PDB file of N, CA and C in Angstrom:
ATOM      1  N   MET A   1      83.252 110.218  91.323  1.00  0.00           N
ATOM      2  CA  MET A   1      84.038 109.519  92.428  1.00  0.00           C
ATOM      3  C   MET A   1      84.235 107.818  92.444  1.00  0.00           C
ATOM      4  N   SER A   2      85.456 107.202  92.379  1.00  0.00           N
ATOM      5  CA  SER A   2      85.818 106.098  92.276  1.00  0.00           C
ATOM      6  C   SER A   2      85.023 105.256  93.399  1.00  0.00           C
ATOM      7  N   ILE A   3      85.200 103.926  93.338  1.00  0.00           N
ATOM      8  CA  ILE A   3      84.716 103.181  94.536  1.00  0.00           C
ATOM      9  C   ILE A   3      85.955 103.271  95.593  1.00  0.00           C
ATOM     10  N   ALA A   4      87.064 103.185  94.931  1.00  0.00           N
ATOM     11  CA  ALA A   4      88.312 103.291  95.774  1.00  0.00           C
ATOM     12  C   ALA A   4      88.284 104.367  96.750  1.00  0.00           C
ATOM     13  N   GLU A   5      88.090 105.438  95.920  1.00  0.00           N
ATOM     14  CA  GLU A   5      88.207 106.711  96.797  1.00  0.00           C
ATOM     15  C   GLU A   5      86.965 106.794  97.722  1.00  0.00           C
ATOM     16  N   PHE A   6      85.780 106.294  97.322  1.00  0.00           N
ATOM     17  CA  PHE A   6      84.555 106.384  98.210  1.00  0.00           C
ATOM     18  C   PHE A   6      85.136 105.590  99.551  1.00  0.00           C
ATOM     19  N   ALA A   7      85.518 104.270  99.284  1.00  0.00           N
ATOM     20  CA  ALA A   7      86.180 103.652 100.283  1.00  0.00           C
ATOM     21  C   ALA A   7      87.027 103.961 101.275  1.00  0.00           C
ATOM     22  N   ASP A   8      87.942 104.902 100.482  1.00  0.00           N
ATOM     23  CA  ASP A   8      89.009 105.418 101.484  1.00  0.00           C
ATOM     24  C   ASP A   8      88.466 106.564 102.410  1.00  0.00           C
ATOM     25  N   ARG A   9      87.376 107.059 101.929  1.00  0.00           N
ATOM     26  CA  ARG A   9      86.551 107.879 102.906  1.00  0.00           C
ATOM     27  C   ARG A   9      86.059 107.342 104.219  1.00  0.00           C
ATOM     28  N   LEU A  10      85.875 105.869 104.195  1.00  0.00           N
ATOM     29  CA  LEU A  10      85.173 105.392 105.250  1.00  0.00           C
ATOM     30  C   LEU A  10      86.287 104.757 106.116  1.00  0.00           C
ATOM     31  N   GLU A  11      87.592 104.974 105.805  1.00  0.00           N
ATOM     32  CA  GLU A  11      88.832 104.261 106.451  1.00  0.00           C
ATOM     33  C   GLU A  11      88.676 104.688 107.924  1.00  0.00           C
ATOM     34  N   PRO A  12      88.158 105.774 108.191  1.00  0.00           N
ATOM     35  CA  PRO A  12      88.226 106.225 109.793  1.00  0.00           C
ATOM     36  C   PRO A  12      87.628 105.452 110.517  1.00  0.00           C
ATOM     37  N   VAL A  13      86.484 104.900 109.968  1.00  0.00           N
ATOM     38  CA  VAL A  13      85.268 104.334 111.029  1.00  0.00           C
ATOM     39  C   VAL A  13      86.015 103.034 111.255  1.00  0.00           C
ATOM     40  N   PHE A  14      86.761 102.100 110.326  1.00  0.00           N
ATOM     41  CA  PHE A  14      87.454 101.246 110.865  1.00  0.00           C
ATOM     42  C   PHE A  14      88.793 101.403 111.552  1.00  0.00           C
ATOM     43  N   ASP A  15      89.454 102.524 111.474  1.00  0.00           N
ATOM     44  CA  ASP A  15      90.376 103.238 112.425  1.00  0.00           C
ATOM     45  C   ASP A  15      90.172 103.279 113.783  1.00  0.00           C
ATOM     46  N   GLN A  16      88.976 103.954 113.815  1.00  0.00           N
ATOM     47  CA  GLN A  16      88.442 104.478 115.157  1.00  0.00           C
ATOM     48  C   GLN A  16      88.020 103.218 116.046  1.00  0.00           C
ATOM     49  N   ALA A  17      87.530 102.109 115.123  1.00  0.00           N
ATOM     50  CA  ALA A  17      87.104 100.945 115.968  1.00  0.00           C
ATOM     51  C   ALA A  17      88.262 100.382 116.663  1.00  0.00           C
ATOM     52  N   VAL A  18      89.490 100.303 115.768  1.00  0.00           N
ATOM     53  CA  VAL A  18      90.745  99.649 116.153  1.00  0.00           C
ATOM     54  C   VAL A  18      91.358 100.392 117.352  1.00  0.00           C
ATOM     55  N   GLU A  19      91.289 101.998 117.441  1.00  0.00           N
ATOM     56  CA  GLU A  19      91.763 102.678 118.353  1.00  0.00           C
ATOM     57  C   GLU A  19      91.076 102.748 119.662  1.00  0.00           C
ATOM     58  N   THR A  20      89.710 102.635 119.615  1.00  0.00           N
ATOM     59  CA  THR A  20      88.831 103.123 120.509  1.00  0.00           C
ATOM     60  C   THR A  20      88.005 101.820 121.337  1.00  0.00           C
ATOM     61  N   GLY A  21      87.489 100.847 119.985  1.00  0.00           N
ATOM     62  CA  GLY A  21      86.463  99.953 120.530  1.00  0.00           C
ATOM     63  C   GLY A  21      86.936  98.827 121.340  1.00  0.00           C
ATOM     64  N   ASN A  22      85.829  98.197 121.923  1.00  0.00           N
ATOM     65  CA  ASN A  22      86.076  97.132 122.765  1.00  0.00           C
ATOM     66  C   ASN A  22      86.327  96.145 122.263  1.00  0.00           C
ATOM     67  N   ASP A  23      86.380  94.743 122.611  1.00  0.00           N
ATOM     68  CA  ASP A  23      86.772  93.595 121.806  1.00  0.00           C
ATOM     69  C   ASP A  23      85.782  93.200 120.860  1.00  0.00           C
ATOM     70  N   ASP A  24      84.687  93.606 121.106  1.00  0.00           N
ATOM     71  CA  ASP A  24      83.386  92.945 120.126  1.00  0.00           C
ATOM     72  C   ASP A  24      83.508  94.187 118.747  1.00  0.00           C
ATOM     73  N   GLU A  25      83.918  95.274 119.174  1.00  0.00           N
ATOM     74  CA  GLU A  25      83.895  96.158 117.967  1.00  0.00           C
ATOM     75  C   GLU A  25      85.018  95.990 117.326  1.00  0.00           C
ATOM     76  N   LEU A  26      86.057  95.496 117.954  1.00  0.00           N
ATOM     77  CA  LEU A  26      87.497  95.142 117.188  1.00  0.00           C
ATOM     78  C   LEU A  26      87.376  93.892 116.282  1.00  0.00           C
ATOM     79  N   PHE A  27      86.581  93.184 116.743  1.00  0.00           N
ATOM     80  CA  PHE A  27      86.077  91.788 115.746  1.00  0.00           C
ATOM     81  C   PHE A  27      85.496  92.138 114.913  1.00  0.00           C
ATOM     82  N   ALA A  28      84.405  92.826 115.118  1.00  0.00           N
ATOM     83  CA  ALA A  28      83.536  93.245 114.164  1.00  0.00           C
ATOM     84  C   ALA A  28      84.026  94.057 113.048  1.00  0.00           C
ATOM     85  N   SER A  29      84.961  94.923 113.436  1.00  0.00           N
ATOM     86  CA  SER A  29      85.691  95.947 112.518  1.00  0.00           C
ATOM     87  C   SER A  29      86.656  94.983 111.594  1.00  0.00           C
ATOM     88  N   GLY A  30      87.104  94.134 112.187  1.00  0.00           N
ATOM     89  CA  GLY A  30      88.408  93.429 111.476  1.00  0.00           C
ATOM     90  C   GLY A  30      87.608  92.319 110.667  1.00  0.00           C
ATOM     91  N   TYR A  31      86.252  91.591 110.817  1.00  0.00           N
ATOM     92  CA  TYR A  31      85.707  90.732 110.248  1.00  0.00           C
ATOM     93  C   TYR A  31      85.136  91.544 109.041  1.00  0.00           C
ATOM     94  N   LEU A  32      84.455  92.756 109.179  1.00  0.00           N
ATOM     95  CA  LEU A  32      83.788  93.499 108.286  1.00  0.00           C
ATOM     96  C   LEU A  32      84.861  93.955 107.269  1.00  0.00           C
ATOM     97  N   ARG A  33      85.933  94.495 107.661  1.00  0.00           N
ATOM     98  CA  ARG A  33      86.958  95.106 106.803  1.00  0.00           C
ATOM     99  C   ARG A  33      87.408  94.112 105.796  1.00  0.00           C
ATOM    100  N   GLY A  34      87.749  92.470 106.267  1.00  0.00           N
ATOM    101  CA  GLY A  34      88.158  91.904 105.078  1.00  0.00           C
ATOM    102  C   GLY A  34      86.965  91.505 104.078  1.00  0.00           C
ATOM    103  N   HIS A  35      85.880  91.635 104.367  1.00  0.00           N
ATOM    104  CA  HIS A  35      84.731  91.553 103.526  1.00  0.00           C
ATOM    105  C   HIS A  35      84.412  93.093 102.647  1.00  0.00           C
ATOM    106  N   PHE A  36      84.643  94.109 103.327  1.00  0.00           N
ATOM    107  CA  PHE A  36      84.615  95.398 102.648  1.00  0.00           C
ATOM    108  C   PHE A  36      85.779  95.503 101.773  1.00  0.00           C
ATOM    109  N   ASP A  37      87.012  95.030 102.090  1.00  0.00           N
ATOM    110  CA  ASP A  37      88.111  95.299 100.853  1.00  0.00           C
ATOM    111  C   ASP A  37      88.193  94.238  99.899  1.00  0.00           C
ATOM    112  N   LEU A  38      87.621  92.957 100.268  1.00  0.00           N
ATOM    113  CA  LEU A  38      87.131  92.192  98.942  1.00  0.00           C
ATOM    114  C   LEU A  38      86.285  92.631  97.923  1.00  0.00           C
ATOM    115  N   VAL A  39      85.077  93.102  98.602  1.00  0.00           N
ATOM    116  CA  VAL A  39      84.190  93.855  97.764  1.00  0.00           C
ATOM    117  C   VAL A  39      84.540  94.921  96.878  1.00  0.00           C
ATOM    118  N   VAL A  40      85.366  96.027  97.718  1.00  0.00           N
ATOM    119  CA  VAL A  40      85.957  96.980  97.021  1.00  0.00           C
ATOM    120  C   VAL A  40      86.826  96.667  95.826  1.00  0.00           C
ATOM    121  N   ALA A  41      87.546  95.594  95.944  1.00  0.00           N
ATOM    122  CA  ALA A  41      88.478  95.126  94.981  1.00  0.00           C
ATOM    123  C   ALA A  41      87.980  94.538  93.526  1.00  0.00           C
ATOM    124  N   GLN A  42      86.837  93.697  94.120  1.00  0.00           N
ATOM    125  CA  GLN A  42      86.019  93.038  92.971  1.00  0.00           C
ATOM    126  C   GLN A  42      85.056  94.039  92.092  1.00  0.00           C
ATOM    127  N   LEU A  43      84.751  95.135  92.783  1.00  0.00           N
ATOM    128  CA  LEU A  43      83.783  96.169  91.963  1.00  0.00           C
ATOM    129  C   LEU A  43      84.884  96.941  91.234  1.00  0.00           C
ATOM    130  N   GLU A  44      86.128  97.420  92.024  1.00  0.00           N
ATOM    131  CA  GLU A  44      87.082  98.267  91.133  1.00  0.00           C
ATOM    132  C   GLU A  44      87.279  97.336  89.730  1.00  0.00           C
ATOM    133  N   LEU A  45      87.644  95.868  89.975  1.00  0.00           N
ATOM    134  CA  LEU A  45      87.872  95.067  88.701  1.00  0.00           C
ATOM    135  C   LEU A  45      86.818  95.393  87.734  1.00  0.00           C
ATOM    136  N   ALA A  46      85.545  95.260  88.255  1.00  0.00           N
ATOM    137  CA  ALA A  46      84.606  95.166  87.079  1.00  0.00           C
ATOM    138  C   ALA A  46      84.292  96.626  86.698  1.00  0.00           C
ATOM    139  N   GLY A  47      84.846  97.598  87.112  1.00  0.00           N
ATOM    140  CA  GLY A  47      84.845  99.198  86.637  1.00  0.00           C
ATOM    141  C   GLY A  47      83.547  99.703  87.134  1.00  0.00           C
ATOM    142  N   GLU A  48      82.921  99.229  88.405  1.00  0.00           N
ATOM    143  CA  GLU A  48      81.928  99.874  89.014  1.00  0.00           C
ATOM    144  C   GLU A  48      82.284 101.379  89.718  1.00  0.00           C
ATOM    145  N   ASN A  49      81.443 102.081  89.636  1.00  0.00           N
ATOM    146  CA  ASN A  49      81.553 103.540  90.428  1.00  0.00           C
ATOM    147  C   ASN A  49      80.543 103.915  91.252  1.00  0.00           C
ATOM    148  N   ASP A  50      79.372 103.153  91.274  1.00  0.00           N
ATOM    149  CA  ASP A  50      78.442 103.530  92.021  1.00  0.00           C
ATOM    150  C   ASP A  50      78.451 103.034  93.473  1.00  0.00           C
ATOM    151  N   PRO A  51      78.466 104.193  94.428  1.00  0.00           N
ATOM    152  CA  PRO A  51      78.612 103.483  95.810  1.00  0.00           C
ATOM    153  C   PRO A  51      77.531 102.819  96.236  1.00  0.00           C
ATOM    154  N   ASP A  52      76.569 102.744  95.802  1.00  0.00           N
ATOM    155  CA  ASP A  52      75.087 102.057  96.027  1.00  0.00           C
ATOM    156  C   ASP A  52      75.704 100.660  95.673  1.00  0.00           C
ATOM    157  N   ALA A  53      76.372 100.526  94.746  1.00  0.00           N
ATOM    158  CA  ALA A  53      76.792  98.906  94.520  1.00  0.00           C
ATOM    159  C   ALA A  53      77.652  98.460  95.721  1.00  0.00           C
ATOM    160  N   LEU A  54      78.503  99.153  96.137  1.00  0.00           N
ATOM    161  CA  LEU A  54      79.390  98.836  97.348  1.00  0.00           C
ATOM    162  C   LEU A  54      78.509  98.140  98.225  1.00  0.00           C
ATOM    163  N   TRP A  55      77.372  98.936  98.781  1.00  0.00           N
ATOM    164  CA  TRP A  55      76.415  98.526  99.849  1.00  0.00           C
ATOM    165  C   TRP A  55      75.875  97.189  99.652  1.00  0.00           C
ATOM    166  N   ASP A  56      75.342  96.981  98.364  1.00  0.00           N
ATOM    167  CA  ASP A  56      74.642  95.716  97.781  1.00  0.00           C
ATOM    168  C   ASP A  56      75.349  94.841  97.798  1.00  0.00           C
ATOM    169  N   ALA A  57      76.873  94.742  97.181  1.00  0.00           N
ATOM    170  CA  ALA A  57      77.692  94.023  97.302  1.00  0.00           C
ATOM    171  C   ALA A  57      78.148  93.266  98.683  1.00  0.00           C
ATOM    172  N   LEU A  58      78.278  94.244  99.458  1.00  0.00           N
ATOM    173  CA  LEU A  58      78.630  94.084 100.826  1.00  0.00           C
ATOM    174  C   LEU A  58      77.563  93.164 101.611  1.00  0.00           C
ATOM    175  N   ASP A  59      76.250  93.907 101.616  1.00  0.00           N
ATOM    176  CA  ASP A  59      75.049  92.881 102.031  1.00  0.00           C
ATOM    177  C   ASP A  59      75.112  91.846 101.609  1.00  0.00           C
ATOM    178  N   ALA A  60      75.380  91.397 100.331  1.00  0.00           N
ATOM    179  CA  ALA A  60      75.276  90.152  99.601  1.00  0.00           C
ATOM    180  C   ALA A  60      76.290  89.282 100.177  1.00  0.00           C
ATOM    181  N   ALA A  61      77.383  89.861 100.406  1.00  0.00           N
ATOM    182  CA  ALA A  61      78.664  88.924 100.746  1.00  0.00           C
ATOM    183  C   ALA A  61      78.435  88.421 102.352  1.00  0.00           C
ATOM    184  N   LEU A  62      78.033  89.377 103.074  1.00  0.00           N
ATOM    185  CA  LEU A  62      77.719  89.016 104.550  1.00  0.00           C
ATOM    186  C   LEU A  62      76.493  87.958 104.573  1.00  0.00           C
ATOM    187  N   LEU A  63      75.523  88.127 103.859  1.00  0.00           N
ATOM    188  CA  LEU A  63      74.394  87.270 103.919  1.00  0.00           C
ATOM    189  C   LEU A  63      74.977  85.834 103.393  1.00  0.00           C
ATOM    190  N   LYS A  64      75.843  85.689 102.567  1.00  0.00           N
ATOM    191  CA  LYS A  64      76.446  84.402 102.631  1.00  0.00           C
ATOM    192  C   LYS A  64      77.265  83.798 103.391  1.00  0.00           C
ATOM    193  N   THR A  65      77.823  84.637 104.339  1.00  0.00           N
ATOM    194  CA  THR A  65      78.543  84.019 105.309  1.00  0.00           C
ATOM    195  C   THR A  65      78.222  84.470 106.660  1.00  0.00           C
ATOM    196  N   ARG A  66      77.031  84.248 106.789  1.00  0.00           N
ATOM    197  CA  ARG A  66      76.255  84.736 108.144  1.00  0.00           C
ATOM    198  C   ARG A  66      76.151  83.625 108.948  1.00  0.00           C
ATOM    199  N   ASP A  67      76.492  82.297 108.318  1.00  0.00           N
ATOM    200  CA  ASP A  67      76.367  80.888 109.207  1.00  0.00           C
ATOM    201  C   ASP A  67      77.668  80.987 110.023  1.00  0.00           C
ATOM    202  N   GLU A  68      78.826  81.848 109.611  1.00  0.00           N
ATOM    203  CA  GLU A  68      80.012  81.724 110.139  1.00  0.00           C
ATOM    204  C   GLU A  68      79.978  82.235 111.489  1.00  0.00           C
ATOM    205  N   LEU A  69      79.051  83.357 111.734  1.00  0.00           N
ATOM    206  CA  LEU A  69      78.981  83.939 112.828  1.00  0.00           C
ATOM    207  C   LEU A  69      77.810  83.428 113.836  1.00  0.00           C
ATOM    208  N   ASN A  70      77.956  83.628 115.257  1.00  0.00           N
ATOM    209  CA  ASN A  70      76.970  83.336 116.045  1.00  0.00           C
ATOM    210  C   ASN A  70      76.279  84.542 116.351  1.00  0.00           C
ATOM    211  N   PRO A  71      74.962  84.612 116.604  1.00  0.00           N
ATOM    212  CA  PRO A  71      73.917  85.536 116.612  1.00  0.00           C
ATOM    213  C   PRO A  71      74.606  87.022 117.126  1.00  0.00           C
ATOM    214  N   GLN A  72      75.019  86.624 118.343  1.00  0.00           N
ATOM    215  CA  GLN A  72      75.731  87.998 118.906  1.00  0.00           C
ATOM    216  C   GLN A  72      76.888  88.499 117.932  1.00  0.00           C
ATOM    217  N   ASP A  73      77.730  87.810 117.417  1.00  0.00           N
ATOM    218  CA  ASP A  73      78.623  88.411 116.601  1.00  0.00           C
ATOM    219  C   ASP A  73      77.998  88.951 115.281  1.00  0.00           C
ATOM    220  N   GLN A  74      77.113  88.401 114.759  1.00  0.00           N
ATOM    221  CA  GLN A  74      76.230  88.941 113.882  1.00  0.00           C
ATOM    222  C   GLN A  74      75.791  90.197 113.859  1.00  0.00           C
ATOM    223  N   THR A  75      75.467  90.629 115.224  1.00  0.00           N
ATOM    224  CA  THR A  75      74.642  91.764 115.657  1.00  0.00           C
ATOM    225  C   THR A  75      75.888  93.016 115.566  1.00  0.00           C
ATOM    226  N   HIS A  76      76.886  92.395 115.999  1.00  0.00           N
ATOM    227  CA  HIS A  76      78.311  93.417 116.215  1.00  0.00           C
ATOM    228  C   HIS A  76      78.690  93.762 114.926  1.00  0.00           C
ATOM    229  N   VAL A  77      78.548  92.754 113.828  1.00  0.00           N
ATOM    230  CA  VAL A  77      78.958  93.100 112.354  1.00  0.00           C
ATOM    231  C   VAL A  77      77.944  94.038 111.945  1.00  0.00           C
ATOM    232  N   GLN A  78      76.654  93.754 112.370  1.00  0.00           N
ATOM    233  CA  GLN A  78      75.470  94.663 111.576  1.00  0.00           C
ATOM    234  C   GLN A  78      75.825  96.182 112.063  1.00  0.00           C
ATOM    235  N   ASN A  79      75.851  96.101 113.636  1.00  0.00           N
ATOM    236  CA  ASN A  79      76.069  97.446 113.814  1.00  0.00           C
ATOM    237  C   ASN A  79      77.488  98.289 113.539  1.00  0.00           C
ATOM    238  N   MET A  80      78.480  97.417 113.108  1.00  0.00           N
ATOM    239  CA  MET A  80      79.698  98.406 112.352  1.00  0.00           C
ATOM    240  C   MET A  80      79.428  98.707 111.246  1.00  0.00           C
ATOM    241  N   LEU A  81      78.487  97.684 110.300  1.00  0.00           N
ATOM    242  CA  LEU A  81      78.003  98.000 109.123  1.00  0.00           C
ATOM    243  C   LEU A  81      77.127  99.274 109.139  1.00  0.00           C
ATOM    244  N   ALA A  82      76.310  99.638 110.159  1.00  0.00           N
ATOM    245  CA  ALA A  82      75.497 100.446 110.265  1.00  0.00           C
ATOM    246  C   ALA A  82      76.236 101.592 110.394  1.00  0.00           C
ATOM    247  N   ARG A  83      77.315 101.608 111.404  1.00  0.00           N
ATOM    248  CA  ARG A  83      78.045 102.860 111.327  1.00  0.00           C
ATOM    249  C   ARG A  83      78.929 103.435 110.109  1.00  0.00           C
ATOM    250  N   LEU A  84      79.273 102.353 109.295  1.00  0.00           N
ATOM    251  CA  LEU A  84      79.870 102.617 107.897  1.00  0.00           C
ATOM    252  C   LEU A  84      78.947 103.432 107.248  1.00  0.00           C
ATOM    253  N   LYS A  85      77.848 102.756 107.021  1.00  0.00           N
ATOM    254  CA  LYS A  85      76.604 103.440 106.217  1.00  0.00           C
ATOM    255  C   LYS A  85      76.211 105.022 106.824  1.00  0.00           C
ATOM    256  N   ALA A  86      76.141 104.852 108.323  1.00  0.00           N
ATOM    257  CA  ALA A  86      75.895 106.514 108.465  1.00  0.00           C
ATOM    258  C   ALA A  86      77.383 107.395 108.179  1.00  0.00           C
ATOM    259  N   SER A  87      78.240 106.696 108.026  1.00  0.00           N
ATOM    260  CA  SER A  87      79.510 107.967 107.831  1.00  0.00           C
ATOM    261  C   SER A  87      79.448 108.178 106.299  1.00  0.00           C
ATOM    262  N   ALA A  88      78.873 107.394 105.486  1.00  0.00           N
ATOM    263  CA  ALA A  88      78.999 107.636 104.059  1.00  0.00           C
ATOM    264  C   ALA A  88      78.371 108.932 103.864  1.00  0.00           C
TER     265      ALA A  88
END
């Protein structure tokens, strides 16, 4: 399975947050989605097909940008990330 196919399987998690989430979940979903899509594209360009590489790269990307968010928003993003990982 390619990284793109793996990422496509996780789309419903983002969609559900948009459809039924509160404002915090909607924010976290949008924020994480931007990082998620960028990481997927980078891994595809690198020819990577290991889903574990997605989680590692996404964790690294979020770590680099953690100063962008206040602690409460960081918690919301981490909760959304946990939801994604649980759906994988």
